[in-house]
């Protein structure tokens, strides 16, 4: 019974043999309840009559309801058969409702692949609660959005639990956020429970592609010459990383003789574009001749964390200490014999670590006269 904020109507009919002046009265829990009403001259057998149970009598528990009729001539009182009425004003689940139980895959965020492995249905379990009865209606909420509902069955009572299914379209409607999940119960009497304890669940249903490996603008492939990075080394993250407004990017330069980390939060103007992060030239020269690892981490606004592959960058040795050149026809003693020099001139040969096809080399001749070759 859920009409407890006003008197409850009791319906009966004019009984056979009733005459004008006969009275009828509510008989509640073996007690006559005022007022006493009279049969009118216009009443005929079968006509509807009504009495009221005062709301102050509607206390928790079972009550007997009947009516009494009285013949005013002989004062004989007769009682009808009684009906048992159950009054339920107790909230289901009081004092508390435990949080919904979800699969362990939700502990660190539910991914699209994990949901797909569940048949695109996330099943929640609601454990037996205080006052659980067949016919109770369980309504779920995800971030305050109404979700699936379930009606407690006889089987649920036996298993002491209720199951609810969150399907993929509903979860995709919620979006890739961390949000509270909870439920409430309404019993057959219309009593509504308080909201259950919440369970915070992170959704990560957007399918993401792997991050592109970072590159160095001043490098040739995976080789960096310090001469080309006099203003620093620029780490480039390609636009295919699909960086969005609010994403946090952490770029790491890890070398055996110098490391650094740069952090950047994407603005709306930078979203969807290639991102460049500059590291100081001193890091390059400090790691000359060494292998440096360059990578980055993206902390997405939706909570997803992605880690790029690592670029193994080889920083070539600096050219501060160049090996001495060699001259044809000159032996180990370093003595130049002019008669041995061909008519077209002396040939000087140069080699150094990291020599490349695009290098510019100038050879200096200093003596009684000076000469510099073209670079």
Protein backbone atom coordinates (compact mmCIF):
# COMPACT_ATOMS: atom_id res chain seq x y z
CA UNK A 1 0.00 0.00 0.00
CA UNK A 2 1.51 3.32 -1.04
CA UNK A 3 -1.32 5.85 -0.49
CA UNK A 4 -0.22 6.78 3.00
CA UNK A 5 -0.47 10.55 2.70
CA UNK A 6 -4.27 10.48 2.62
CA UNK A 7 -7.12 8.22 3.86
CA UNK A 8 -7.51 4.89 2.09
CA UNK A 9 -10.85 4.20 0.45
CA UNK A 10 -12.73 1.02 1.40
CA UNK A 11 -15.37 0.00 -1.14
CA UNK A 12 -18.45 -2.12 -0.41
CA UNK A 13 -21.97 -2.55 -1.80
CA UNK A 14 -25.47 -2.18 -0.40
CA UNK A 15 -26.22 -5.63 0.97
CA UNK A 16 -29.44 -7.56 0.31
CA UNK A 17 -32.11 -6.73 2.84
CA UNK A 18 -30.68 -3.33 3.64
CA UNK A 19 -33.27 -0.70 4.40
CA UNK A 20 -33.25 3.03 4.84
CA UNK A 21 -31.91 3.88 8.27
CA UNK A 22 -29.62 0.86 8.51
CA UNK A 23 -26.04 1.95 9.25
CA UNK A 24 -22.60 0.76 8.18
CA UNK A 25 -19.25 1.53 9.77
CA UNK A 26 -15.54 0.69 9.32
CA UNK A 27 -14.27 -2.14 11.51
CA UNK A 28 -10.47 -1.82 11.56
CA UNK A 29 -8.25 -4.10 13.63
CA UNK A 30 -11.31 -5.23 15.63
CA UNK A 31 -12.25 -1.64 16.42
CA UNK A 32 -15.24 0.34 15.17
CA UNK A 33 -14.05 3.54 13.48
CA UNK A 34 -16.21 6.63 13.16
CA UNK A 35 -18.11 7.95 11.32
CA UNK A 36 -21.20 5.73 11.12
CA UNK A 37 -23.09 6.13 7.83
CA UNK A 38 -26.76 5.40 7.01
CA UNK A 39 -28.42 3.67 4.08
CA UNK A 40 -30.56 6.17 2.19
CA UNK A 41 -34.02 5.57 0.75
CA UNK A 42 -32.53 5.91 -2.71
CA UNK A 43 -30.03 3.07 -2.15
CA UNK A 44 -30.70 -0.26 -3.79
CA UNK A 45 -28.88 -3.59 -3.21
CA UNK A 46 -25.61 -3.62 -5.14
CA UNK A 47 -25.15 0.14 -5.15
CA UNK A 48 -21.58 1.18 -4.26
CA UNK A 49 -20.80 2.48 -0.79
CA UNK A 50 -17.55 3.85 0.60
CA UNK A 51 -15.70 4.15 3.88
CA UNK A 52 -12.25 5.54 4.68
CA UNK A 53 -9.33 4.29 6.73
CA UNK A 54 -7.87 7.38 8.45
CA UNK A 55 -4.23 7.86 7.49
CA UNK A 56 -3.13 7.95 11.15
CA UNK A 57 -4.14 4.28 11.44
CA UNK A 58 -1.89 3.21 8.57
CA UNK A 59 1.07 1.97 10.55
CA UNK A 60 3.67 -0.53 9.37
CA UNK A 61 2.40 -4.11 9.39
CA UNK A 62 -0.70 -6.19 8.61
CA UNK A 63 -4.19 -4.96 9.49
CA UNK A 64 -7.67 -6.49 9.34
CA UNK A 65 -10.32 -4.49 7.49
CA UNK A 66 -14.07 -5.18 7.63
CA UNK A 67 -17.30 -3.30 8.12
CA UNK A 68 -20.19 -3.55 10.56
CA UNK A 69 -23.89 -3.13 9.77
CA UNK A 70 -26.56 -2.28 12.33
CA UNK A 71 -30.35 -2.68 12.29
CA UNK A 72 -31.68 0.39 14.14
CA UNK A 73 -34.88 -1.39 15.15
CA UNK A 74 -33.32 -4.25 17.14
CA UNK A 75 -29.78 -2.80 17.48
CA UNK A 76 -28.31 -6.03 16.10
CA UNK A 77 -24.80 -5.54 14.73
CA UNK A 78 -23.29 -7.87 12.13
CA UNK A 79 -19.71 -7.93 10.78
CA UNK A 80 -18.47 -8.70 7.29
CA UNK A 81 -15.61 -11.03 6.49
CA UNK A 82 -12.34 -9.21 7.02
CA UNK A 83 -9.59 -8.50 4.52
CA UNK A 84 -5.91 -8.36 5.48
CA UNK A 85 -4.14 -5.21 4.34
CA UNK A 86 -0.35 -4.95 4.53
CA UNK A 87 1.16 -1.52 5.10
CA UNK A 88 4.80 -1.18 4.05
CA UNK A 89 6.51 2.14 4.71
CA UNK A 90 10.09 0.86 5.03
CA UNK A 91 12.64 1.92 2.41
CA UNK A 92 14.11 -1.11 0.63
CA UNK A 93 17.79 -1.55 1.32
CA UNK A 94 17.82 0.55 4.48
CA UNK A 95 20.16 1.64 5.96
CA UNK A 96 22.53 1.42 2.94
CA UNK A 97 22.73 -0.16 -0.49
CA UNK A 98 26.09 -1.60 -1.54
CA UNK A 99 27.61 -0.42 -4.83
CA UNK A 100 26.91 -2.29 -8.03
CA UNK A 101 29.42 -5.04 -8.86
CA UNK A 102 31.05 -4.85 -12.30
CA UNK A 103 33.64 -7.11 -13.98
CA UNK A 104 37.28 -6.62 -13.01
CA UNK A 105 38.03 -5.22 -16.49
CA UNK A 106 36.49 -1.95 -15.32
CA UNK A 107 39.02 -1.47 -12.52
CA UNK A 108 41.57 0.37 -14.68
CA UNK A 109 39.19 1.66 -17.32
CA UNK A 110 37.04 -0.33 -19.74
CA UNK A 111 38.44 -0.38 -23.28
CA UNK A 112 36.61 -1.04 -26.52
CA UNK A 113 38.42 -4.35 -26.97
CA UNK A 114 37.49 -5.50 -23.46
CA UNK A 115 33.84 -4.61 -24.06
CA UNK A 116 33.92 -6.42 -27.40
CA UNK A 117 35.21 -9.53 -25.63
CA UNK A 118 32.12 -9.32 -23.40
CA UNK A 119 29.83 -9.40 -26.42
CA UNK A 120 29.43 -5.61 -26.24
CA UNK A 121 27.40 -6.01 -23.04
CA UNK A 122 28.68 -4.96 -19.61
CA UNK A 123 26.77 -6.99 -17.02
CA UNK A 124 26.39 -5.61 -13.52
CA UNK A 125 25.41 -7.52 -10.40
CA UNK A 126 23.33 -6.05 -7.59
CA UNK A 127 23.72 -8.12 -4.46
CA UNK A 128 20.80 -9.01 -2.21
CA UNK A 129 19.76 -6.06 -0.06
CA UNK A 130 17.73 -5.61 3.10
CA UNK A 131 14.01 -6.08 2.37
CA UNK A 132 14.55 -7.48 -1.14
CA UNK A 133 11.25 -8.80 -2.50
CA UNK A 134 9.94 -10.24 -5.72
CA UNK A 135 8.54 -7.40 -7.81
CA UNK A 136 11.02 -4.76 -6.62
CA UNK A 137 12.13 -2.47 -9.45
CA UNK A 138 15.85 -1.70 -9.67
CA UNK A 139 16.83 1.38 -11.68
CA UNK A 140 20.45 2.10 -12.58
CA UNK A 141 22.14 5.42 -13.26
CA UNK A 142 25.46 6.19 -14.97
CA UNK A 143 26.66 9.74 -14.38
CA UNK A 144 23.02 10.47 -13.42
CA UNK A 145 21.81 9.23 -16.83
CA UNK A 146 19.05 6.60 -16.39
CA UNK A 147 20.34 3.20 -17.42
CA UNK A 148 18.85 -0.29 -17.64
CA UNK A 149 16.30 -1.43 -15.08
CA UNK A 150 15.37 -4.85 -13.74
CA UNK A 151 12.42 -6.35 -11.87
CA UNK A 152 13.29 -8.78 -9.08
CA UNK A 153 12.05 -12.29 -9.93
CA UNK A 154 11.59 -15.44 -7.90
CA UNK A 155 14.85 -16.74 -9.38
CA UNK A 156 16.62 -13.56 -8.30
CA UNK A 157 15.36 -14.12 -4.76
CA UNK A 158 16.78 -17.63 -4.80
CA UNK A 159 20.14 -16.51 -6.17
CA UNK A 160 20.15 -13.43 -3.93
CA UNK A 161 21.14 -11.06 -6.68
CA UNK A 162 19.80 -9.02 -9.61
CA UNK A 163 21.55 -8.65 -12.98
CA UNK A 164 21.49 -5.59 -15.26
CA UNK A 165 23.02 -5.22 -18.72
CA UNK A 166 24.68 -2.05 -20.01
CA UNK A 167 24.88 -2.32 -23.81
CA UNK A 168 27.53 -0.63 -25.96
CA UNK A 169 25.25 2.08 -27.47
CA UNK A 170 24.33 3.25 -23.97
CA UNK A 171 27.97 3.29 -22.84
CA UNK A 172 29.05 5.17 -25.96
CA UNK A 173 26.35 7.73 -25.16
CA UNK A 174 28.00 8.28 -21.77
CA UNK A 175 31.34 8.96 -23.49
CA UNK A 176 34.95 8.36 -22.53
CA UNK A 177 34.84 9.81 -19.02
CA UNK A 178 35.19 8.60 -15.45
CA UNK A 179 31.76 8.77 -13.82
CA UNK A 180 29.77 7.32 -10.90
CA UNK A 181 27.47 4.33 -11.37
CA UNK A 182 24.70 3.65 -8.85
CA UNK A 183 21.16 2.33 -8.49
CA UNK A 184 17.95 2.78 -6.51
CA UNK A 185 15.11 0.40 -5.64
CA UNK A 186 11.34 0.90 -5.61
CA UNK A 187 9.26 -1.79 -3.90
CA UNK A 188 5.69 -2.90 -4.64
CA UNK A 189 4.37 -0.48 -2.03
CA UNK A 190 5.99 2.40 -3.87
CA UNK A 191 8.68 2.98 -1.25
CA UNK A 192 11.84 4.26 -2.87
CA UNK A 193 15.28 3.58 -1.48
CA UNK A 194 18.09 6.04 -1.16
CA UNK A 195 20.69 5.90 -3.92
CA UNK A 196 23.23 3.14 -3.52
CA UNK A 197 26.88 3.78 -2.86
CA UNK A 198 28.58 4.83 -6.10
CA UNK A 199 31.21 3.01 -8.12
CA UNK A 200 33.42 5.24 -10.28
CA UNK A 201 34.09 3.69 -13.68
CA UNK A 202 36.28 5.01 -16.47
CA UNK A 203 35.22 4.33 -20.06
CA UNK A 204 37.83 4.21 -22.83
CA UNK A 205 35.76 3.00 -25.75
CA UNK A 206 37.20 5.24 -28.46
CA UNK A 207 39.42 3.11 -30.69
CA UNK A 208 42.89 4.65 -30.76
CA UNK A 209 45.68 4.15 -33.28
CA UNK A 210 49.31 3.73 -32.20
CA UNK A 211 51.30 6.92 -31.80
CA UNK A 212 53.86 7.77 -34.49
CA UNK A 213 57.51 7.42 -33.54
CA UNK A 214 59.08 10.86 -32.90
CA UNK A 215 61.60 12.30 -35.34
CA UNK A 216 64.33 14.95 -35.04
CA UNK A 217 64.04 17.84 -37.48
CA UNK A 218 67.82 18.48 -37.58
CA UNK A 219 68.73 14.79 -37.98
CA UNK A 220 69.20 12.67 -41.05
CA UNK A 221 67.05 9.67 -40.24
CA UNK A 222 68.25 8.50 -36.85
CA UNK A 223 71.64 10.25 -37.02
CA UNK A 224 72.20 13.73 -35.62
CA UNK A 225 75.28 15.84 -36.28
CA UNK A 226 75.79 18.42 -33.50
CA UNK A 227 76.81 20.98 -36.12
CA UNK A 228 73.25 20.87 -37.49
CA UNK A 229 71.77 21.36 -34.02
CA UNK A 230 73.59 24.49 -32.92
CA UNK A 231 70.24 25.98 -31.83
CA UNK A 232 69.04 22.75 -30.28
CA UNK A 233 67.34 19.54 -31.37
CA UNK A 234 63.66 19.71 -32.36
CA UNK A 235 61.56 16.66 -31.55
CA UNK A 236 58.69 16.41 -34.03
CA UNK A 237 55.46 14.53 -33.28
CA UNK A 238 53.54 13.95 -36.49
CA UNK A 239 49.93 15.14 -36.88
CA UNK A 240 48.81 11.50 -37.07
CA UNK A 241 49.14 11.44 -33.27
CA UNK A 242 45.74 13.20 -33.42
CA UNK A 243 46.43 15.33 -30.38
CA UNK A 244 43.37 17.08 -28.98
CA UNK A 245 42.77 20.18 -26.90
CA UNK A 246 43.74 19.49 -23.30
CA UNK A 247 45.89 16.44 -24.06
CA UNK A 248 49.15 16.48 -22.11
CA UNK A 249 52.32 15.48 -23.98
CA UNK A 250 55.49 14.52 -22.10
CA UNK A 251 58.58 14.29 -24.34
CA UNK A 252 61.68 12.53 -23.01
CA UNK A 253 65.29 12.91 -24.17
CA UNK A 254 67.37 10.26 -22.42
CA UNK A 255 71.09 10.21 -23.02
CA UNK A 256 73.97 8.67 -21.06
CA UNK A 257 75.53 12.11 -20.57
CA UNK A 258 72.47 14.31 -20.36
CA UNK A 259 68.68 13.92 -20.17
CA UNK A 260 65.67 16.19 -20.05
CA UNK A 261 61.87 16.09 -20.09
CA UNK A 262 59.48 18.60 -21.61
CA UNK A 263 55.74 18.83 -20.91
CA UNK A 264 53.12 20.48 -23.08
CA UNK A 265 49.33 20.79 -22.78
CA UNK A 266 47.68 21.21 -26.17
CA UNK A 267 45.73 24.37 -26.92
CA UNK A 268 42.83 24.47 -29.37
CA UNK A 269 45.12 26.08 -31.96
CA UNK A 270 47.61 23.21 -31.67
CA UNK A 271 45.07 20.38 -31.73
CA UNK A 272 45.34 18.10 -34.76
CA UNK A 273 48.67 19.64 -35.85
CA UNK A 274 52.23 18.34 -35.77
CA UNK A 275 53.90 19.26 -32.49
CA UNK A 276 57.51 20.46 -32.17
CA UNK A 277 59.42 20.44 -28.89
CA UNK A 278 62.91 21.97 -28.70
CA UNK A 279 65.69 20.52 -26.53
CA UNK A 280 68.79 22.60 -25.74
CA UNK A 281 71.91 22.30 -27.90
CA UNK A 282 73.96 21.53 -24.79
CA UNK A 283 72.14 18.17 -24.53
CA UNK A 284 73.22 17.36 -28.06
CA UNK A 285 76.89 18.23 -27.60
CA UNK A 286 76.98 16.51 -24.20
CA UNK A 287 75.86 13.27 -25.84
CA UNK A 288 78.14 13.50 -28.88
CA UNK A 289 79.22 10.01 -29.87
CA UNK A 290 76.40 8.47 -27.81
CA UNK A 291 73.02 6.85 -28.46
CA UNK A 292 70.05 8.85 -27.18
CA UNK A 293 66.51 7.53 -26.63
CA UNK A 294 63.70 9.90 -27.61
CA UNK A 295 60.06 9.08 -26.84
CA UNK A 296 56.87 10.69 -25.57
CA UNK A 297 53.75 9.96 -23.54
CA UNK A 298 50.27 11.35 -24.23
CA UNK A 299 47.82 11.69 -21.36
CA UNK A 300 44.51 12.06 -23.17
CA UNK A 301 41.73 14.23 -21.81
CA UNK A 302 39.53 11.12 -21.60
CA UNK A 303 42.02 9.47 -19.25
CA UNK A 304 43.69 7.23 -21.83
CA UNK A 305 47.48 7.04 -21.57
CA UNK A 306 49.50 6.27 -24.72
CA UNK A 307 53.24 5.70 -25.03
CA UNK A 308 55.10 6.11 -28.31
CA UNK A 309 57.80 3.86 -29.68
CA UNK A 310 61.34 5.04 -28.94
CA UNK A 311 63.59 6.70 -31.49
CA UNK A 312 67.16 5.44 -31.07
CA UNK A 313 69.08 8.56 -32.07
CA UNK A 314 72.80 8.36 -32.76
CA UNK A 315 74.59 11.65 -32.08
CA UNK A 316 77.83 11.68 -34.05
CA UNK A 317 81.08 12.72 -32.41
CA UNK A 318 82.01 16.39 -32.52
CA UNK A 319 84.82 17.57 -34.76
CA UNK A 320 86.78 19.51 -32.18
CA UNK A 321 89.82 17.23 -32.52
CA UNK A 322 90.33 16.50 -36.20
CA UNK A 323 92.96 13.96 -37.23
CA UNK A 324 95.90 15.37 -39.21
CA UNK A 325 95.63 15.26 -43.01
CA UNK A 326 97.97 13.16 -45.14
CA UNK A 327 99.90 14.35 -48.23
CA UNK A 328 100.90 12.08 -51.07
CA UNK A 329 104.67 11.66 -51.49
CA UNK A 330 105.28 12.71 -47.87
CA UNK A 331 106.57 9.98 -45.61
CA UNK A 332 106.30 9.49 -41.88
CA UNK A 333 109.10 12.00 -41.32
CA UNK A 334 106.85 14.78 -42.68
CA UNK A 335 109.51 16.05 -45.09
CA UNK A 336 108.26 17.46 -48.39
CA UNK A 337 110.50 16.69 -51.36
CA UNK A 338 109.50 19.09 -54.17
CA UNK A 339 110.93 16.87 -56.88
CA UNK A 340 108.44 14.17 -55.93
CA UNK A 341 105.42 16.43 -56.33
CA UNK A 342 103.65 15.96 -59.71
CA UNK A 343 103.28 18.91 -62.00
CA UNK A 344 99.54 19.23 -61.31
CA UNK A 345 100.22 19.80 -57.61
CA UNK A 346 100.35 18.12 -54.22
CA UNK A 347 97.45 15.87 -53.17
CA UNK A 348 96.28 16.19 -49.57
CA UNK A 349 93.95 13.50 -48.22
CA UNK A 350 91.54 14.09 -45.31
CA UNK A 351 89.42 11.62 -43.34
CA UNK A 352 87.56 12.03 -40.04
CA UNK A 353 84.87 10.23 -38.05
CA UNK A 354 81.34 10.70 -39.35
CA UNK A 355 82.45 12.01 -42.75
CA UNK A 356 79.39 12.58 -44.94
CA UNK A 357 78.69 13.37 -48.57
CA UNK A 358 77.35 16.84 -47.79
CA UNK A 359 80.24 17.92 -45.54
CA UNK A 360 82.21 21.04 -46.52
CA UNK A 361 85.99 20.52 -46.08
CA UNK A 362 88.62 23.28 -46.35
CA UNK A 363 92.33 22.38 -46.33
CA UNK A 364 94.75 25.10 -45.19
CA UNK A 365 98.39 25.40 -46.41
CA UNK A 366 100.49 27.67 -44.25
CA UNK A 367 104.16 28.42 -44.85
CA UNK A 368 106.16 31.08 -46.68
CA UNK A 369 102.95 31.40 -48.64
CA UNK A 370 99.36 30.45 -47.74
CA UNK A 371 96.60 28.70 -49.60
CA UNK A 372 93.06 27.49 -48.70
CA UNK A 373 91.16 25.05 -50.84
CA UNK A 374 87.55 25.74 -51.79
CA UNK A 375 85.00 24.18 -49.40
